[in-house]
Amino acid sequence: MAAYTEKRLIEGILLTGSAVTLYTCTAPSVKTIVKEISLCNTTAIAYTFTLYIVASGDTVADKNAVFDSVTMQPNETKIFGLTTVLEVGDFISAFASTTSVISLAASGVERT
């Protein structure tokens, strides 16, 4: 019987200036439902972020961008509600226009 576990998929992390993998759907999970992604610009200057959801075996590329060069105003927080399903091996990757200024967290449900 399938079990569903609500959890923080990505604890608060400061984005870097290049795309890095932040979460991967791995066994024993067979699917992950991403429910919410929140971002916060922690500075008094506007910066941008880009976020990708990438299928297993694929790579970070424009075709996988979910949010592309989204501007975060000074001290702004954005919360995005989603119902994106990740299969085993699918992953979330992101970066910011400047290192260590935009924080990101995500929550969802893992199915085992």
PDB file of N, CA and C in Angstrom:
ATOM      1  N   MET A   1       0.843  -1.181   0.000  1.00  0.00           N
ATOM      2  CA  MET A   1       0.000   0.000   0.000  1.00  0.00           C
ATOM      3  C   MET A   1       0.884   1.240   0.000  1.00  0.00           C
ATOM      4  N   ALA A   2       0.539   2.218  -0.799  1.00  0.00           N
ATOM      5  CA  ALA A   2       1.330   3.448  -0.907  1.00  0.00           C
ATOM      6  C   ALA A   2       1.234   4.262   0.371  1.00  0.00           C
ATOM      7  N   ALA A   3       2.359   4.855   0.735  1.00  0.00           N
ATOM      8  CA  ALA A   3       2.404   5.758   1.884  1.00  0.00           C
ATOM      9  C   ALA A   3       2.792   7.144   1.386  1.00  0.00           C
ATOM     10  N   TYR A   4       2.150   8.157   1.943  1.00  0.00           N
ATOM     11  CA  TYR A   4       2.417   9.534   1.560  1.00  0.00           C
ATOM     12  C   TYR A   4       2.981  10.277   2.765  1.00  0.00           C
ATOM     13  N   THR A   5       4.127  10.959   2.552  1.00  0.00           N
ATOM     14  CA  THR A   5       4.777  11.682   3.636  1.00  0.00           C
ATOM     15  C   THR A   5       4.949  13.145   3.246  1.00  0.00           C
ATOM     16  N   GLU A   6       4.296  14.028   3.998  1.00  0.00           N
ATOM     17  CA  GLU A   6       4.473  15.465   3.779  1.00  0.00           C
ATOM     18  C   GLU A   6       5.812  15.861   4.367  1.00  0.00           C
ATOM     19  N   LYS A   7       6.574  16.698   3.630  1.00  0.00           N
ATOM     20  CA  LYS A   7       7.876  17.076   4.166  1.00  0.00           C
ATOM     21  C   LYS A   7       8.442  18.300   3.484  1.00  0.00           C
ATOM     22  N   ARG A   8       9.455  18.884   4.108  1.00  0.00           N
ATOM     23  CA  ARG A   8      10.259  19.928   3.467  1.00  0.00           C
ATOM     24  C   ARG A   8      11.180  19.214   2.503  1.00  0.00           C
ATOM     25  N   LEU A   9      11.026  19.482   1.250  1.00  0.00           N
ATOM     26  CA  LEU A   9      11.881  18.858   0.244  1.00  0.00           C
ATOM     27  C   LEU A   9      13.232  19.555   0.184  1.00  0.00           C
ATOM     28  N   ILE A  10      13.209  20.871   0.320  1.00  0.00           N
ATOM     29  CA  ILE A  10      14.436  21.668   0.313  1.00  0.00           C
ATOM     30  C   ILE A  10      14.387  22.579   1.533  1.00  0.00           C
ATOM     31  N   GLU A  11      15.308  22.359   2.460  1.00  0.00           N
ATOM     32  CA  GLU A  11      15.427  23.258   3.608  1.00  0.00           C
ATOM     33  C   GLU A  11      15.925  24.594   3.091  1.00  0.00           C
ATOM     34  N   GLY A  12      15.758  25.649   3.831  1.00  0.00           N
ATOM     35  CA  GLY A  12      16.237  26.946   3.390  1.00  0.00           C
ATOM     36  C   GLY A  12      17.687  26.887   2.945  1.00  0.00           C
ATOM     37  N   ILE A  13      17.952  27.361   1.738  1.00  0.00           N
ATOM     38  CA  ILE A  13      19.306  27.343   1.180  1.00  0.00           C
ATOM     39  C   ILE A  13      19.506  28.623   0.395  1.00  0.00           C
ATOM     40  N   LEU A  14      20.702  29.177   0.436  1.00  0.00           N
ATOM     41  CA  LEU A  14      21.012  30.345  -0.381  1.00  0.00           C
ATOM     42  C   LEU A  14      21.498  29.870  -1.744  1.00  0.00           C
ATOM     43  N   LEU A  15      20.889  30.404  -2.795  1.00  0.00           N
ATOM     44  CA  LEU A  15      21.255  30.003  -4.145  1.00  0.00           C
ATOM     45  C   LEU A  15      22.644  30.504  -4.506  1.00  0.00           C
ATOM     46  N   THR A  16      23.295  29.756  -5.382  1.00  0.00           N
ATOM     47  CA  THR A  16      24.609  30.152  -5.888  1.00  0.00           C
ATOM     48  C   THR A  16      24.443  30.800  -7.259  1.00  0.00           C
ATOM     49  N   GLY A  17      25.555  31.206  -7.851  1.00  0.00           N
ATOM     50  CA  GLY A  17      25.522  31.872  -9.143  1.00  0.00           C
ATOM     51  C   GLY A  17      25.494  30.918 -10.326  1.00  0.00           C
ATOM     52  N   SER A  18      25.493  29.617 -10.071  1.00  0.00           N
ATOM     53  CA  SER A  18      25.359  28.636 -11.155  1.00  0.00           C
ATOM     54  C   SER A  18      24.377  27.558 -10.713  1.00  0.00           C
ATOM     55  N   ALA A  19      23.762  26.915 -11.686  1.00  0.00           N
ATOM     56  CA  ALA A  19      22.718  25.934 -11.389  1.00  0.00           C
ATOM     57  C   ALA A  19      23.280  24.738 -10.628  1.00  0.00           C
ATOM     58  N   VAL A  20      22.627  24.419  -9.508  1.00  0.00           N
ATOM     59  CA  VAL A  20      22.979  23.244  -8.717  1.00  0.00           C
ATOM     60  C   VAL A  20      21.707  22.458  -8.409  1.00  0.00           C
ATOM     61  N   THR A  21      21.855  21.164  -8.254  1.00  0.00           N
ATOM     62  CA  THR A  21      20.724  20.308  -7.910  1.00  0.00           C
ATOM     63  C   THR A  21      20.389  20.504  -6.435  1.00  0.00           C
ATOM     64  N   LEU A  22      19.119  20.816  -6.170  1.00  0.00           N
ATOM     65  CA  LEU A  22      18.657  21.077  -4.810  1.00  0.00           C
ATOM     66  C   LEU A  22      17.841  19.925  -4.237  1.00  0.00           C
ATOM     67  N   TYR A  23      17.191  19.150  -5.108  1.00  0.00           N
ATOM     68  CA  TYR A  23      16.378  18.018  -4.662  1.00  0.00           C
ATOM     69  C   TYR A  23      16.290  17.023  -5.808  1.00  0.00           C
ATOM     70  N   THR A  24      16.379  15.746  -5.476  1.00  0.00           N
ATOM     71  CA  THR A  24      16.192  14.672  -6.446  1.00  0.00           C
ATOM     72  C   THR A  24      15.228  13.656  -5.858  1.00  0.00           C
ATOM     73  N   CYS A  25      14.267  13.230  -6.652  1.00  0.00           N
ATOM     74  CA  CYS A  25      13.352  12.164  -6.230  1.00  0.00           C
ATOM     75  C   CYS A  25      14.124  10.845  -6.307  1.00  0.00           C
ATOM     76  N   THR A  26      14.336  10.216  -5.140  1.00  0.00           N
ATOM     77  CA  THR A  26      15.106   8.973  -5.085  1.00  0.00           C
ATOM     78  C   THR A  26      14.341   7.904  -4.315  1.00  0.00           C
ATOM     79  N   ALA A  27      14.700   6.644  -4.564  1.00  0.00           N
ATOM     80  CA  ALA A  27      14.105   5.529  -3.841  1.00  0.00           C
ATOM     81  C   ALA A  27      14.389   5.704  -2.358  1.00  0.00           C
ATOM     82  N   PRO A  28      13.496   5.346  -1.477  1.00  0.00           N
ATOM     83  CA  PRO A  28      12.335   4.510  -1.731  1.00  0.00           C
ATOM     84  C   PRO A  28      11.121   5.256  -2.280  1.00  0.00           C
ATOM     85  N   SER A  29      11.213   6.577  -2.441  1.00  0.00           N
ATOM     86  CA  SER A  29      10.090   7.307  -3.038  1.00  0.00           C
ATOM     87  C   SER A  29       9.920   6.875  -4.488  1.00  0.00           C
ATOM     88  N   VAL A  30       8.676   6.769  -4.928  1.00  0.00           N
ATOM     89  CA  VAL A  30       8.418   6.464  -6.331  1.00  0.00           C
ATOM     90  C   VAL A  30       7.917   7.705  -7.064  1.00  0.00           C
ATOM     91  N   LYS A  31       7.428   8.659  -6.302  1.00  0.00           N
ATOM     92  CA  LYS A  31       6.988   9.947  -6.848  1.00  0.00           C
ATOM     93  C   LYS A  31       7.104  10.995  -5.755  1.00  0.00           C
ATOM     94  N   THR A  32       7.310  12.231  -6.189  1.00  0.00           N
ATOM     95  CA  THR A  32       7.276  13.357  -5.270  1.00  0.00           C
ATOM     96  C   THR A  32       6.366  14.405  -5.877  1.00  0.00           C
ATOM     97  N   ILE A  33       5.479  14.954  -5.077  1.00  0.00           N
ATOM     98  CA  ILE A  33       4.626  16.051  -5.519  1.00  0.00           C
ATOM     99  C   ILE A  33       5.152  17.322  -4.871  1.00  0.00           C
ATOM    100  N   VAL A  34       5.641  18.240  -5.694  1.00  0.00           N
ATOM    101  CA  VAL A  34       6.132  19.525  -5.193  1.00  0.00           C
ATOM    102  C   VAL A  34       4.909  20.421  -5.033  1.00  0.00           C
ATOM    103  N   LYS A  35       4.646  20.861  -3.808  1.00  0.00           N
ATOM    104  CA  LYS A  35       3.450  21.649  -3.519  1.00  0.00           C
ATOM    105  C   LYS A  35       3.725  23.145  -3.420  1.00  0.00           C
ATOM    106  N   GLU A  36       4.902  23.527  -2.914  1.00  0.00           N
ATOM    107  CA  GLU A  36       5.171  24.950  -2.725  1.00  0.00           C
ATOM    108  C   GLU A  36       6.669  25.223  -2.767  1.00  0.00           C
ATOM    109  N   ILE A  37       7.024  26.309  -3.448  1.00  0.00           N
ATOM    110  CA  ILE A  37       8.398  26.794  -3.470  1.00  0.00           C
ATOM    111  C   ILE A  37       8.359  28.248  -3.024  1.00  0.00           C
ATOM    112  N   SER A  38       9.193  28.583  -2.041  1.00  0.00           N
ATOM    113  CA  SER A  38       9.263  29.972  -1.586  1.00  0.00           C
ATOM    114  C   SER A  38      10.685  30.486  -1.752  1.00  0.00           C
ATOM    115  N   LEU A  39      10.781  31.748  -2.155  1.00  0.00           N
ATOM    116  CA  LEU A  39      12.064  32.403  -2.345  1.00  0.00           C
ATOM    117  C   LEU A  39      12.036  33.754  -1.661  1.00  0.00           C
ATOM    118  N   CYS A  40      13.189  34.171  -1.178  1.00  0.00           N
ATOM    119  CA  CYS A  40      13.289  35.456  -0.494  1.00  0.00           C
ATOM    120  C   CYS A  40      14.592  36.133  -0.881  1.00  0.00           C
ATOM    121  N   ASN A  41      14.487  37.371  -1.341  1.00  0.00           N
ATOM    122  CA  ASN A  41      15.668  38.188  -1.583  1.00  0.00           C
ATOM    123  C   ASN A  41      16.055  38.794  -0.237  1.00  0.00           C
ATOM    124  N   THR A  42      17.212  38.441   0.259  1.00  0.00           N
ATOM    125  CA  THR A  42      17.621  38.846   1.604  1.00  0.00           C
ATOM    126  C   THR A  42      18.413  40.151   1.626  1.00  0.00           C
ATOM    127  N   THR A  43      18.413  40.878   0.507  1.00  0.00           N
ATOM    128  CA  THR A  43      19.211  42.099   0.423  1.00  0.00           C
ATOM    129  C   THR A  43      18.356  43.302   0.029  1.00  0.00           C
ATOM    130  N   ALA A  44      18.991  44.453  -0.023  1.00  0.00           N
ATOM    131  CA  ALA A  44      18.323  45.704  -0.402  1.00  0.00           C
ATOM    132  C   ALA A  44      18.538  46.048  -1.875  1.00  0.00           C
ATOM    133  N   ILE A  45      18.929  45.053  -2.681  1.00  0.00           N
ATOM    134  CA  ILE A  45      19.155  45.231  -4.118  1.00  0.00           C
ATOM    135  C   ILE A  45      18.358  44.156  -4.857  1.00  0.00           C
ATOM    136  N   ALA A  46      17.789  44.501  -6.023  1.00  0.00           N
ATOM    137  CA  ALA A  46      17.040  43.527  -6.825  1.00  0.00           C
ATOM    138  C   ALA A  46      17.995  42.529  -7.495  1.00  0.00           C
ATOM    139  N   TYR A  47      17.600  41.248  -7.469  1.00  0.00           N
ATOM    140  CA  TYR A  47      18.349  40.190  -8.150  1.00  0.00           C
ATOM    141  C   TYR A  47      17.347  39.270  -8.835  1.00  0.00           C
ATOM    142  N   THR A  48      17.845  38.336  -9.648  1.00  0.00           N
ATOM    143  CA  THR A  48      16.962  37.391 -10.333  1.00  0.00           C
ATOM    144  C   THR A  48      17.311  35.958  -9.932  1.00  0.00           C
ATOM    145  N   PHE A  49      16.347  35.060 -10.189  1.00  0.00           N
ATOM    146  CA  PHE A  49      16.595  33.632 -10.016  1.00  0.00           C
ATOM    147  C   PHE A  49      16.003  32.886 -11.195  1.00  0.00           C
ATOM    148  N   THR A  50      16.534  31.699 -11.438  1.00  0.00           N
ATOM    149  CA  THR A  50      16.019  30.785 -12.452  1.00  0.00           C
ATOM    150  C   THR A  50      15.903  29.415 -11.800  1.00  0.00           C
ATOM    151  N   LEU A  51      14.786  28.723 -12.066  1.00  0.00           N
ATOM    152  CA  LEU A  51      14.541  27.412 -11.469  1.00  0.00           C
ATOM    153  C   LEU A  51      14.136  26.433 -12.561  1.00  0.00           C
ATOM    154  N   TYR A  52      14.686  25.229 -12.476  1.00  0.00           N
ATOM    155  CA  TYR A  52      14.416  24.166 -13.447  1.00  0.00           C
ATOM    156  C   TYR A  52      13.836  22.945 -12.750  1.00  0.00           C
ATOM    157  N   ILE A  53      12.939  22.266 -13.436  1.00  0.00           N
ATOM    158  CA  ILE A  53      12.513  20.931 -13.035  1.00  0.00           C
ATOM    159  C   ILE A  53      12.880  20.030 -14.205  1.00  0.00           C
ATOM    160  N   VAL A  54      13.768  19.067 -13.929  1.00  0.00           N
ATOM    161  CA  VAL A  54      14.420  18.300 -14.990  1.00  0.00           C
ATOM    162  C   VAL A  54      14.071  16.818 -14.867  1.00  0.00           C
ATOM    163  N   ALA A  55      13.683  16.226 -15.978  1.00  0.00           N
ATOM    164  CA  ALA A  55      13.355  14.797 -16.013  1.00  0.00           C
ATOM    165  C   ALA A  55      14.622  13.958 -15.898  1.00  0.00           C
ATOM    166  N   SER A  56      14.478  12.785 -15.319  1.00  0.00           N
ATOM    167  CA  SER A  56      15.595  11.855 -15.185  1.00  0.00           C
ATOM    168  C   SER A  56      16.276  11.646 -16.531  1.00  0.00           C
ATOM    169  N   GLY A  57      17.591  11.727 -16.547  1.00  0.00           N
ATOM    170  CA  GLY A  57      18.350  11.514 -17.771  1.00  0.00           C
ATOM    171  C   GLY A  57      18.523  12.764 -18.610  1.00  0.00           C
ATOM    172  N   ASP A  58      17.817  13.834 -18.272  1.00  0.00           N
ATOM    173  CA  ASP A  58      17.935  15.089 -19.012  1.00  0.00           C
ATOM    174  C   ASP A  58      18.878  16.009 -18.251  1.00  0.00           C
ATOM    175  N   THR A  59      19.119  17.197 -18.802  1.00  0.00           N
ATOM    176  CA  THR A  59      20.030  18.146 -18.175  1.00  0.00           C
ATOM    177  C   THR A  59      19.358  19.503 -18.011  1.00  0.00           C
ATOM    178  N   VAL A  60      19.962  20.330 -17.179  1.00  0.00           N
ATOM    179  CA  VAL A  60      19.488  21.698 -17.000  1.00  0.00           C
ATOM    180  C   VAL A  60      19.602  22.403 -18.343  1.00  0.00           C
ATOM    181  N   ALA A  61      18.475  22.927 -18.834  1.00  0.00           N
ATOM    182  CA  ALA A  61      18.443  23.610 -20.130  1.00  0.00           C
ATOM    183  C   ALA A  61      17.204  24.498 -20.166  1.00  0.00           C
ATOM    184  N   ASP A  62      17.182  25.430 -21.097  1.00  0.00           N
ATOM    185  CA  ASP A  62      16.051  26.346 -21.212  1.00  0.00           C
ATOM    186  C   ASP A  62      14.715  25.611 -21.283  1.00  0.00           C
ATOM    187  N   LYS A  63      14.664  24.466 -21.950  1.00  0.00           N
ATOM    188  CA  LYS A  63      13.398  23.737 -22.099  1.00  0.00           C
ATOM    189  C   LYS A  63      12.842  23.243 -20.769  1.00  0.00           C
ATOM    190  N   ASN A  64      13.712  23.179 -19.740  1.00  0.00           N
ATOM    191  CA  ASN A  64      13.283  22.707 -18.423  1.00  0.00           C
ATOM    192  C   ASN A  64      13.067  23.830 -17.420  1.00  0.00           C
ATOM    193  N   ALA A  65      13.182  25.080 -17.866  1.00  0.00           N
ATOM    194  CA  ALA A  65      12.998  26.217 -16.965  1.00  0.00           C
ATOM    195  C   ALA A  65      11.522  26.343 -16.589  1.00  0.00           C
ATOM    196  N   VAL A  66      11.276  26.467 -15.307  1.00  0.00           N
ATOM    197  CA  VAL A  66       9.930  26.709 -14.793  1.00  0.00           C
ATOM    198  C   VAL A  66       9.780  28.197 -14.503  1.00  0.00           C
ATOM    199  N   PHE A  67      10.839  28.784 -13.958  1.00  0.00           N
ATOM    200  CA  PHE A  67      10.924  30.224 -13.722  1.00  0.00           C
ATOM    201  C   PHE A  67      12.248  30.676 -14.319  1.00  0.00           C
ATOM    202  N   ASP A  68      12.222  31.641 -15.223  1.00  0.00           N
ATOM    203  CA  ASP A  68      13.432  32.075 -15.916  1.00  0.00           C
ATOM    204  C   ASP A  68      13.704  33.552 -15.670  1.00  0.00           C
ATOM    205  N   SER A  69      14.800  33.836 -15.016  1.00  0.00           N
ATOM    206  CA  SER A  69      15.239  35.210 -14.745  1.00  0.00           C
ATOM    207  C   SER A  69      14.145  36.044 -14.088  1.00  0.00           C
ATOM    208  N   VAL A  70      13.525  35.492 -13.060  1.00  0.00           N
ATOM    209  CA  VAL A  70      12.469  36.190 -12.329  1.00  0.00           C
ATOM    210  C   VAL A  70      13.113  37.204 -11.384  1.00  0.00           C
ATOM    211  N   THR A  71      12.688  38.452 -11.483  1.00  0.00           N
ATOM    212  CA  THR A  71      13.251  39.494 -10.633  1.00  0.00           C
ATOM    213  C   THR A  71      12.643  39.454  -9.242  1.00  0.00           C
ATOM    214  N   MET A  72      13.532  39.496  -8.258  1.00  0.00           N
ATOM    215  CA  MET A  72      13.138  39.589  -6.856  1.00  0.00           C
ATOM    216  C   MET A  72      13.515  40.987  -6.394  1.00  0.00           C
ATOM    217  N   GLN A  73      12.529  41.769  -6.010  1.00  0.00           N
ATOM    218  CA  GLN A  73      12.788  43.116  -5.524  1.00  0.00           C
ATOM    219  C   GLN A  73      13.479  43.053  -4.160  1.00  0.00           C
ATOM    220  N   PRO A  74      14.085  44.148  -3.710  1.00  0.00           N
ATOM    221  CA  PRO A  74      14.750  44.149  -2.417  1.00  0.00           C
ATOM    222  C   PRO A  74      13.835  43.637  -1.301  1.00  0.00           C
ATOM    223  N   ASN A  75      14.333  42.693  -0.520  1.00  0.00           N
ATOM    224  CA  ASN A  75      13.630  42.122   0.634  1.00  0.00           C
ATOM    225  C   ASN A  75      12.273  41.506   0.299  1.00  0.00           C
ATOM    226  N   GLU A  76      12.084  41.105  -0.928  1.00  0.00           N
ATOM    227  CA  GLU A  76      10.812  40.526  -1.366  1.00  0.00           C
ATOM    228  C   GLU A  76      10.795  39.014  -1.146  1.00  0.00           C
ATOM    229  N   THR A  77       9.623  38.504  -0.825  1.00  0.00           N
ATOM    230  CA  THR A  77       9.383  37.069  -0.738  1.00  0.00           C
ATOM    231  C   THR A  77       8.325  36.691  -1.760  1.00  0.00           C
ATOM    232  N   LYS A  78       8.568  35.593  -2.486  1.00  0.00           N
ATOM    233  CA  LYS A  78       7.585  35.065  -3.439  1.00  0.00           C
ATOM    234  C   LYS A  78       7.307  33.626  -3.057  1.00  0.00           C
ATOM    235  N   ILE A  79       6.022  33.273  -3.070  1.00  0.00           N
ATOM    236  CA  ILE A  79       5.606  31.907  -2.767  1.00  0.00           C
ATOM    237  C   ILE A  79       4.805  31.393  -3.950  1.00  0.00           C
ATOM    238  N   PHE A  80       5.242  30.255  -4.490  1.00  0.00           N
ATOM    239  CA  PHE A  80       4.596  29.664  -5.654  1.00  0.00           C
ATOM    240  C   PHE A  80       3.944  28.350  -5.261  1.00  0.00           C
ATOM    241  N   GLY A  81       2.630  28.249  -5.456  1.00  0.00           N
ATOM    242  CA  GLY A  81       1.916  27.002  -5.220  1.00  0.00           C
ATOM    243  C   GLY A  81       1.989  26.150  -6.481  1.00  0.00           C
ATOM    244  N   LEU A  82       2.310  24.878  -6.321  1.00  0.00           N
ATOM    245  CA  LEU A  82       2.472  23.967  -7.455  1.00  0.00           C
ATOM    246  C   LEU A  82       1.790  22.639  -7.169  1.00  0.00           C
ATOM    247  N   THR A  83       1.657  21.846  -8.186  1.00  0.00           N
ATOM    248  CA  THR A  83       1.313  20.430  -8.043  1.00  0.00           C
ATOM    249  C   THR A  83       2.110  19.648  -9.078  1.00  0.00           C
ATOM    250  N   THR A  84       3.400  19.897  -9.096  1.00  0.00           N
ATOM    251  CA  THR A  84       4.298  19.257 -10.047  1.00  0.00           C
ATOM    252  C   THR A  84       4.719  17.892  -9.524  1.00  0.00           C
ATOM    253  N   VAL A  85       4.628  16.876 -10.370  1.00  0.00           N
ATOM    254  CA  VAL A  85       4.981  15.516  -9.979  1.00  0.00           C
ATOM    255  C   VAL A  85       6.368  15.167 -10.525  1.00  0.00           C
ATOM    256  N   LEU A  86       7.227  14.694  -9.634  1.00  0.00           N
ATOM    257  CA  LEU A  86       8.555  14.221 -10.023  1.00  0.00           C
ATOM    258  C   LEU A  86       8.582  12.707  -9.938  1.00  0.00           C
ATOM    259  N   GLU A  87       9.147  12.080 -10.946  1.00  0.00           N
ATOM    260  CA  GLU A  87       9.372  10.636 -10.944  1.00  0.00           C
ATOM    261  C   GLU A  87      10.779  10.375 -10.406  1.00  0.00           C
ATOM    262  N   VAL A  88      11.111   9.121 -10.117  1.00  0.00           N
ATOM    263  CA  VAL A  88      12.445   8.784  -9.627  1.00  0.00           C
ATOM    264  C   VAL A  88      13.494   9.289 -10.619  1.00  0.00           C
ATOM    265  N   GLY A  89      14.472  10.006 -10.098  1.00  0.00           N
ATOM    266  CA  GLY A  89      15.550  10.542 -10.917  1.00  0.00           C
ATOM    267  C   GLY A  89      15.322  11.972 -11.386  1.00  0.00           C
ATOM    268  N   ASP A  90      14.073  12.442 -11.352  1.00  0.00           N
ATOM    269  CA  ASP A  90      13.791  13.842 -11.698  1.00  0.00           C
ATOM    270  C   ASP A  90      14.358  14.740 -10.599  1.00  0.00           C
ATOM    271  N   PHE A  91      14.742  15.974 -10.976  1.00  0.00           N
ATOM    272  CA  PHE A  91      15.336  16.845  -9.968  1.00  0.00           C
ATOM    273  C   PHE A  91      14.987  18.314 -10.168  1.00  0.00           C
ATOM    274  N   ILE A  92      15.200  19.074  -9.093  1.00  0.00           N
ATOM    275  CA  ILE A  92      15.009  20.523  -9.082  1.00  0.00           C
ATOM    276  C   ILE A  92      16.385  21.165  -8.997  1.00  0.00           C
ATOM    277  N   SER A  93      16.620  22.148  -9.860  1.00  0.00           N
ATOM    278  CA  SER A  93      17.883  22.871  -9.873  1.00  0.00           C
ATOM    279  C   SER A  93      17.574  24.361  -9.980  1.00  0.00           C
ATOM    280  N   ALA A  94      18.440  25.196  -9.418  1.00  0.00           N
ATOM    281  CA  ALA A  94      18.198  26.639  -9.470  1.00  0.00           C
ATOM    282  C   ALA A  94      19.503  27.395  -9.302  1.00  0.00           C
ATOM    283  N   PHE A  95      19.454  28.681  -9.676  1.00  0.00           N
ATOM    284  CA  PHE A  95      20.578  29.587  -9.420  1.00  0.00           C
ATOM    285  C   PHE A  95      20.049  31.003  -9.365  1.00  0.00           C
ATOM    286  N   ALA A  96      20.887  31.910  -8.843  1.00  0.00           N
ATOM    287  CA  ALA A  96      20.540  33.327  -8.750  1.00  0.00           C
ATOM    288  C   ALA A  96      21.577  34.145  -9.513  1.00  0.00           C
ATOM    289  N   SER A  97      21.223  35.388  -9.798  1.00  0.00           N
ATOM    290  CA  SER A  97      22.143  36.249 -10.530  1.00  0.00           C
ATOM    291  C   SER A  97      23.368  36.616  -9.703  1.00  0.00           C
ATOM    292  N   THR A  98      23.268  36.473  -8.394  1.00  0.00           N
ATOM    293  CA  THR A  98      24.385  36.711  -7.483  1.00  0.00           C
ATOM    294  C   THR A  98      24.330  35.658  -6.377  1.00  0.00           C
ATOM    295  N   THR A  99      25.474  35.175  -5.973  1.00  0.00           N
ATOM    296  CA  THR A  99      25.567  34.132  -4.949  1.00  0.00           C
ATOM    297  C   THR A  99      25.159  34.644  -3.562  1.00  0.00           C
ATOM    298  N   SER A 100      24.442  33.788  -2.839  1.00  0.00           N
ATOM    299  CA  SER A 100      24.128  33.976  -1.413  1.00  0.00           C
ATOM    300  C   SER A 100      23.255  35.178  -1.091  1.00  0.00           C
ATOM    301  N   VAL A 101      22.301  35.490  -1.986  1.00  0.00           N
ATOM    302  CA  VAL A 101      21.377  36.594  -1.694  1.00  0.00           C
ATOM    303  C   VAL A 101      19.910  36.172  -1.740  1.00  0.00           C
ATOM    304  N   ILE A 102      19.601  35.099  -2.467  1.00  0.00           N
ATOM    305  CA  ILE A 102      18.215  34.623  -2.564  1.00  0.00           C
ATOM    306  C   ILE A 102      18.122  33.256  -1.902  1.00  0.00           C
ATOM    307  N   SER A 103      17.235  33.157  -0.902  1.00  0.00           N
ATOM    308  CA  SER A 103      17.032  31.875  -0.234  1.00  0.00           C
ATOM    309  C   SER A 103      15.858  31.150  -0.881  1.00  0.00           C
ATOM    310  N   LEU A 104      15.903  29.818  -0.833  1.00  0.00           N
ATOM    311  CA  LEU A 104      14.864  28.993  -1.435  1.00  0.00           C
ATOM    312  C   LEU A 104      14.532  27.856  -0.479  1.00  0.00           C
ATOM    313  N   ALA A 105      13.250  27.547  -0.383  1.00  0.00           N
ATOM    314  CA  ALA A 105      12.765  26.385   0.367  1.00  0.00           C
ATOM    315  C   ALA A 105      11.622  25.780  -0.429  1.00  0.00           C
ATOM    316  N   ALA A 106      11.398  24.487  -0.274  1.00  0.00           N
ATOM    317  CA  ALA A 106      10.300  23.823  -0.981  1.00  0.00           C
ATOM    318  C   ALA A 106       9.691  22.756  -0.082  1.00  0.00           C
ATOM    319  N   SER A 107       8.389  22.544  -0.244  1.00  0.00           N
ATOM    320  CA  SER A 107       7.706  21.493   0.504  1.00  0.00           C
ATOM    321  C   SER A 107       6.854  20.680  -0.453  1.00  0.00           C
ATOM    322  N   GLY A 108       6.521  19.494  -0.016  1.00  0.00           N
ATOM    323  CA  GLY A 108       5.722  18.629  -0.878  1.00  0.00           C
ATOM    324  C   GLY A 108       5.391  17.316  -0.187  1.00  0.00           C
ATOM    325  N   VAL A 109       5.109  16.320  -1.007  1.00  0.00           N
ATOM    326  CA  VAL A 109       4.696  15.007  -0.522  1.00  0.00           C
ATOM    327  C   VAL A 109       5.502  13.953  -1.283  1.00  0.00           C
ATOM    328  N   GLU A 110       6.109  13.034  -0.521  1.00  0.00           N
ATOM    329  CA  GLU A 110       6.799  11.917  -1.143  1.00  0.00           C
ATOM    330  C   GLU A 110       5.921  10.672  -1.028  1.00  0.00           C
ATOM    331  N   ARG A 111       5.801   9.930  -2.128  1.00  0.00           N
ATOM    332  CA  ARG A 111       5.028   8.672  -2.112  1.00  0.00           C
ATOM    333  C   ARG A 111       5.987   7.501  -2.178  1.00  0.00           C
ATOM    334  N   THR A 112       5.808   6.576  -1.248  1.00  0.00           N
ATOM    335  CA  THR A 112       6.648   5.361  -1.239  1.00  0.00           C
ATOM    336  C   THR A 112       5.787   4.149  -1.427  1.00  0.00           C
TER     337      THR A 112
END
